[in-house]
Amino acid sequence: MITAIVLIGADIHQIPETAQAVADIPGVTEVYSCAGDVDLIAKVRVRDHEEVATVVTGAINRIPGVLSSATHIAFRSYASSEVDGGFSIGEA
C-alpha cells in the first residue's frame, strides 16, 4: 500500500463541506482541518501510484472549495516506540 499525505488549501467559507467531500472519496482514510499554512490535511491509502493520481488529481482537486494541493508520498511508517528509540541512541 502507498500512503500519501495531501496538504489542501481551501476556500475558508467552505472548509467543513470541502473536508466532508474529501473524506467521502474512496482511498481517503482521514481528513483533518488545521491551523497553519494549509487548511486541510488528507491521508490517502491506495495500492499504487496510479491510484494516488486518480484520487488527488481526479477527485480531490476537482472538489469545489479546493484551491490548491500538495501531495507527499510516505516512504516508511514509524510507531511512537520506534521513533523514541531512534532519538535515544547513545543516551545512557
C-alpha atoms as a PDB file:
ATOM      1  CA  MET A   1       0.000   0.000   0.000  1.00  0.00           C
ATOM      2  CA  ILE A   2       1.049   3.556  -0.688  1.00  0.00           C
ATOM      3  CA  THR A   3       0.364   6.322   1.806  1.00  0.00           C
ATOM      4  CA  ALA A   4       0.144   9.884   0.573  1.00  0.00           C
ATOM      5  CA  ILE A   5      -0.335  12.985   2.670  1.00  0.00           C
ATOM      6  CA  VAL A   6      -2.215  15.708   0.794  1.00  0.00           C
ATOM      7  CA  LEU A   7      -1.984  19.296   2.038  1.00  0.00           C
ATOM      8  CA  ILE A   8      -5.034  21.212   0.856  1.00  0.00           C
ATOM      9  CA  GLY A   9      -5.676  24.927   0.600  1.00  0.00           C
ATOM     10  CA  ALA A  10      -9.432  25.508   0.784  1.00  0.00           C
ATOM     11  CA  ASP A  11     -11.919  28.338   0.478  1.00  0.00           C
ATOM     12  CA  ILE A  12     -12.309  29.436   4.104  1.00  0.00           C
ATOM     13  CA  HIS A  13     -16.065  29.751   3.667  1.00  0.00           C
ATOM     14  CA  GLN A  14     -16.371  26.098   2.597  1.00  0.00           C
ATOM     15  CA  ILE A  15     -13.935  24.223   4.854  1.00  0.00           C
ATOM     16  CA  PRO A  16     -16.422  21.863   6.559  1.00  0.00           C
ATOM     17  CA  GLU A  17     -18.151  20.981   3.272  1.00  0.00           C
ATOM     18  CA  THR A  18     -14.838  20.585   1.476  1.00  0.00           C
ATOM     19  CA  ALA A  19     -13.447  18.384   4.245  1.00  0.00           C
ATOM     20  CA  GLN A  20     -16.501  16.119   4.124  1.00  0.00           C
ATOM     21  CA  ALA A  21     -16.350  15.866   0.341  1.00  0.00           C
ATOM     22  CA  VAL A  22     -12.664  14.881   0.536  1.00  0.00           C
ATOM     23  CA  ALA A  23     -13.404  12.342   3.290  1.00  0.00           C
ATOM     24  CA  ASP A  24     -16.070  10.721   1.089  1.00  0.00           C
ATOM     25  CA  ILE A  25     -13.555   9.886  -1.678  1.00  0.00           C
ATOM     26  CA  PRO A  26     -12.578   6.199  -1.845  1.00  0.00           C
ATOM     27  CA  GLY A  27      -8.923   5.891  -0.812  1.00  0.00           C
ATOM     28  CA  VAL A  28      -9.044   8.834   1.601  1.00  0.00           C
ATOM     29  CA  THR A  29      -8.770   7.401   5.103  1.00  0.00           C
ATOM     30  CA  GLU A  30      -8.630  10.580   7.211  1.00  0.00           C
ATOM     31  CA  VAL A  31      -9.102  14.327   6.821  1.00  0.00           C
ATOM     32  CA  TYR A  32      -8.017  16.923   9.372  1.00  0.00           C
ATOM     33  CA  SER A  33      -8.821  20.615   9.491  1.00  0.00           C
ATOM     34  CA  CYS A  34      -5.884  22.504  10.913  1.00  0.00           C
ATOM     35  CA  ALA A  35      -4.283  25.843  11.574  1.00  0.00           C
ATOM     36  CA  GLY A  36      -1.170  26.957   9.764  1.00  0.00           C
ATOM     37  CA  ASP A  37      -0.133  27.115   6.132  1.00  0.00           C
ATOM     38  CA  VAL A  38      -2.802  24.651   4.956  1.00  0.00           C
ATOM     39  CA  ASP A  39      -6.483  24.307   5.742  1.00  0.00           C
ATOM     40  CA  LEU A  40      -6.943  20.534   5.422  1.00  0.00           C
ATOM     41  CA  ILE A  41      -4.688  17.501   5.527  1.00  0.00           C
ATOM     42  CA  ALA A  42      -5.883  14.267   3.930  1.00  0.00           C
ATOM     43  CA  LYS A  43      -4.330  10.842   4.357  1.00  0.00           C
ATOM     44  CA  VAL A  44      -4.665   8.680   1.251  1.00  0.00           C
ATOM     45  CA  ARG A  45      -4.035   4.898   1.271  1.00  0.00           C
ATOM     46  CA  VAL A  46      -4.099   3.166  -2.112  1.00  0.00           C
ATOM     47  CA  ARG A  47      -2.457   0.222  -3.875  1.00  0.00           C
ATOM     48  CA  ASP A  48      -0.289   2.036  -6.432  1.00  0.00           C
ATOM     49  CA  HIS A  49       0.883   5.395  -7.726  1.00  0.00           C
ATOM     50  CA  GLU A  50      -1.739   5.427 -10.467  1.00  0.00           C
ATOM     51  CA  GLU A  51      -4.427   5.369  -7.777  1.00  0.00           C
ATOM     52  CA  VAL A  52      -2.722   8.284  -5.998  1.00  0.00           C
ATOM     53  CA  ALA A  53      -3.076  10.278  -9.206  1.00  0.00           C
ATOM     54  CA  THR A  54      -6.705   9.222  -9.564  1.00  0.00           C
ATOM     55  CA  VAL A  55      -7.579  10.225  -6.004  1.00  0.00           C
ATOM     56  CA  VAL A  56      -5.643  13.503  -5.946  1.00  0.00           C
ATOM     57  CA  THR A  57      -5.910  14.933  -9.443  1.00  0.00           C
ATOM     58  CA  GLY A  58      -9.060  13.107 -10.467  1.00  0.00           C
ATOM     59  CA  ALA A  59     -11.087  13.659  -7.313  1.00  0.00           C
ATOM     60  CA  ILE A  60      -9.640  15.925  -4.582  1.00  0.00           C
ATOM     61  CA  ASN A  61      -8.529  18.713  -6.911  1.00  0.00           C
ATOM     62  CA  ARG A  62     -11.958  18.756  -8.606  1.00  0.00           C
ATOM     63  CA  ILE A  63     -13.929  19.397  -5.420  1.00  0.00           C
ATOM     64  CA  PRO A  64     -15.475  22.870  -5.210  1.00  0.00           C
ATOM     65  CA  GLY A  65     -13.676  24.696  -2.433  1.00  0.00           C
ATOM     66  CA  VAL A  66     -10.268  23.103  -3.065  1.00  0.00           C
ATOM     67  CA  LEU A  67      -7.959  25.923  -4.124  1.00  0.00           C
ATOM     68  CA  SER A  68      -4.606  24.104  -4.078  1.00  0.00           C
ATOM     69  CA  SER A  69      -2.963  20.878  -3.023  1.00  0.00           C
ATOM     70  CA  ALA A  70       0.492  19.449  -2.454  1.00  0.00           C
ATOM     71  CA  THR A  71       0.984  15.693  -2.272  1.00  0.00           C
ATOM     72  CA  HIS A  72       3.703  13.979  -0.249  1.00  0.00           C
ATOM     73  CA  ILE A  73       4.370  10.252  -0.641  1.00  0.00           C
ATOM     74  CA  ALA A  74       5.349   8.444   2.569  1.00  0.00           C
ATOM     75  CA  PHE A  75       8.271   6.014   2.393  1.00  0.00           C
ATOM     76  CA  ARG A  76       8.035   4.416   5.830  1.00  0.00           C
ATOM     77  CA  SER A  77       5.773   4.483   8.862  1.00  0.00           C
ATOM     78  CA  TYR A  78       7.133   4.554  12.414  1.00  0.00           C
ATOM     79  CA  ALA A  79       5.364   3.655  15.640  1.00  0.00           C
ATOM     80  CA  SER A  80       5.971   6.013  18.566  1.00  0.00           C
ATOM     81  CA  SER A  81       8.240   3.473  20.314  1.00  0.00           C
ATOM     82  CA  GLU A  82      10.429   3.209  17.183  1.00  0.00           C
ATOM     83  CA  VAL A  83      10.737   6.999  16.922  1.00  0.00           C
ATOM     84  CA  ASP A  84      11.518   7.359  20.633  1.00  0.00           C
ATOM     85  CA  GLY A  85      14.158   4.629  20.338  1.00  0.00           C
ATOM     86  CA  GLY A  86      15.779   6.272  17.317  1.00  0.00           C
ATOM     87  CA  PHE A  87      16.282   9.535  19.174  1.00  0.00           C
ATOM     88  CA  SER A  88      17.693   7.898  22.293  1.00  0.00           C
ATOM     89  CA  ILE A  89      20.655   6.243  20.563  1.00  0.00           C
ATOM     90  CA  GLY A  90      23.811   6.804  22.564  1.00  0.00           C
ATOM     91  CA  GLU A  91      21.993   8.034  25.649  1.00  0.00           C
ATOM     92  CA  ALA A  92      22.977   6.380  28.907  1.00  0.00           C
END
